[in-house]
Structures are given as C-alpha cells and as structure tokens.
C-alpha atoms as a PDB file:
ATOM      1  CA  MET A   1     -25.121 -61.849   9.560  1.00  0.00           C
ATOM      2  CA  PHE A   2     -25.926 -61.860  13.284  1.00  0.00           C
ATOM      3  CA  ALA A   3     -24.260 -65.242  13.813  1.00  0.00           C
ATOM      4  CA  PHE A   4     -21.249 -64.051  11.802  1.00  0.00           C
ATOM      5  CA  MET A   5     -20.903 -60.975  14.008  1.00  0.00           C
ATOM      6  CA  VAL A   6     -21.049 -62.943  17.230  1.00  0.00           C
ATOM      7  CA  SER A   7     -18.712 -65.676  15.969  1.00  0.00           C
ATOM      8  CA  HIS A   8     -16.120 -63.012  15.180  1.00  0.00           C
ATOM      9  CA  GLY A   9     -16.292 -61.438  18.630  1.00  0.00           C
ATOM     10  CA  CYS A  10     -18.506 -58.491  17.747  1.00  0.00           C
ATOM     11  CA  MET A  11     -21.038 -58.534  20.549  1.00  0.00           C
ATOM     12  CA  PRO A  12     -24.172 -56.550  19.670  1.00  0.00           C
ATOM     13  CA  ASN A  13     -25.553 -53.854  21.928  1.00  0.00           C
ATOM     14  CA  GLU A  14     -29.196 -52.852  22.411  1.00  0.00           C
ATOM     15  CA  LEU A  15     -29.215 -50.624  19.340  1.00  0.00           C
ATOM     16  CA  THR A  16     -27.921 -53.498  17.205  1.00  0.00           C
ATOM     17  CA  TYR A  17     -30.743 -55.734  18.417  1.00  0.00           C
ATOM     18  CA  ILE A  18     -33.320 -53.029  17.734  1.00  0.00           C
ATOM     19  CA  ILE A  19     -32.019 -52.604  14.187  1.00  0.00           C
ATOM     20  CA  LEU A  20     -32.044 -56.366  13.604  1.00  0.00           C
ATOM     21  CA  ILE A  21     -35.594 -56.791  14.924  1.00  0.00           C
ATOM     22  CA  GLU A  22     -36.910 -53.826  12.928  1.00  0.00           C
ATOM     23  CA  GLY A  23     -35.137 -55.028   9.787  1.00  0.00           C
ATOM     24  CA  LEU A  24     -36.516 -58.545  10.110  1.00  0.00           C
ATOM     25  CA  ALA A  25     -40.046 -57.250  10.689  1.00  0.00           C
ATOM     26  CA  HIS A  26     -39.800 -54.727   7.845  1.00  0.00           C
ATOM     27  CA  ASP A  27     -38.648 -57.397   5.395  1.00  0.00           C
ATOM     28  CA  GLY A  28     -41.500 -59.713   6.361  1.00  0.00           C
ATOM     29  CA  TYR A  29     -39.541 -62.035   8.638  1.00  0.00           C
ATOM     30  CA  LEU A  30     -41.980 -61.467  11.477  1.00  0.00           C
ATOM     31  CA  ARG A  31     -41.625 -64.896  13.043  1.00  0.00           C
ATOM     32  CA  GLU A  32     -37.847 -64.488  13.142  1.00  0.00           C
ATOM     33  CA  ALA A  33     -38.178 -61.001  14.641  1.00  0.00           C
ATOM     34  CA  ARG A  34     -40.477 -62.359  17.336  1.00  0.00           C
ATOM     35  CA  GLU A  35     -38.156 -65.297  18.034  1.00  0.00           C
ATOM     36  CA  LEU A  36     -35.172 -62.977  18.453  1.00  0.00           C
ATOM     37  CA  LEU A  37     -37.164 -60.705  20.732  1.00  0.00           C
ATOM     38  CA  SER A  38     -38.433 -63.631  22.825  1.00  0.00           C
ATOM     39  CA  ASN A  39     -34.935 -65.055  23.088  1.00  0.00           C
ATOM     40  CA  LEU A  40     -33.572 -61.737  24.303  1.00  0.00           C
ATOM     41  CA  PHE A  41     -36.306 -61.361  26.914  1.00  0.00           C
ATOM     42  CA  SER A  42     -35.847 -64.933  28.148  1.00  0.00           C
ATOM     43  CA  ARG A  43     -32.128 -64.299  28.654  1.00  0.00           C
ATOM     44  CA  ASP A  44     -32.806 -60.912  30.323  1.00  0.00           C
ATOM     45  CA  ILE A  45     -30.586 -59.217  27.769  1.00  0.00           C
ATOM     46  CA  LEU A  46     -32.932 -56.435  26.785  1.00  0.00           C
ATOM     47  CA  CYS A  47     -35.668 -54.673  28.638  1.00  0.00           C
ATOM     48  CA  ASN A  48     -35.479 -51.062  27.526  1.00  0.00           C
ATOM     49  CA  SER A  49     -38.491 -49.137  26.283  1.00  0.00           C
ATOM     50  CA  LEU A  50     -37.506 -49.297  22.598  1.00  0.00           C
ATOM     51  CA  ILE A  51     -37.437 -53.089  22.673  1.00  0.00           C
ATOM     52  CA  LYS A  52     -40.731 -53.183  24.581  1.00  0.00           C
ATOM     53  CA  ASN A  53     -42.206 -50.986  21.843  1.00  0.00           C
ATOM     54  CA  GLU A  54     -41.053 -53.518  19.239  1.00  0.00           C
ATOM     55  CA  ALA A  55     -42.781 -56.269  21.212  1.00  0.00           C
ATOM     56  CA  LEU A  56     -45.985 -54.240  21.380  1.00  0.00           C
ATOM     57  CA  PHE A  57     -45.833 -53.578  17.637  1.00  0.00           C
ATOM     58  CA  LEU A  58     -45.520 -57.288  16.886  1.00  0.00           C
ATOM     59  CA  ASP A  59     -48.335 -58.128  19.332  1.00  0.00           C
ATOM     60  CA  GLN A  60     -50.654 -55.452  17.919  1.00  0.00           C
ATOM     61  CA  ASN A  61     -50.217 -56.932  14.487  1.00  0.00           C
ATOM     62  CA  ASN A  62     -51.149 -60.374  15.825  1.00  0.00           C
ATOM     63  CA  ILE A  63     -47.774 -61.765  14.878  1.00  0.00           C
ATOM     64  CA  HIS A  64     -47.339 -64.959  16.837  1.00  0.00           C
ATOM     65  CA  SER A  65     -44.606 -67.522  16.498  1.00  0.00           C
ATOM     66  CA  SER A  66     -45.848 -70.939  15.470  1.00  0.00           C
END
C-alpha cells in the first residue's frame, strides 16, 4: 500500500509514517516496522518525538532487524 501511494504521487507525512509503523508492529511485522523506521532516520525524514517513541518501543521489546 505504501509503494502504491508513493507511486501515485501521494507523499506521506509524519502522521502517515507513524500509522504505518504502528500498524506493522501491531500486526506482527516488527522487522518491517524497524526497517521502515531505520530507513526514515537514515534519510533524515523523521525525527519528531512520536517517531522516537516508536523506536524506543521497538528497542525495549528487543526487536532487532536480522
């Protein structure tokens, strides 16, 4: 869905990313949530406190990408 949005010119904002990361984590796609979060940090797209809280949540649950 994310790729579809972007390919059709719908650029996500911070809230969209938060929803995607939370949804992935909630549905058990923790590695994917972490990968998306890492990708966003590496591209300096997101740095707000809500996203940092998501990162802390994933770290506290010892969710590490393989």
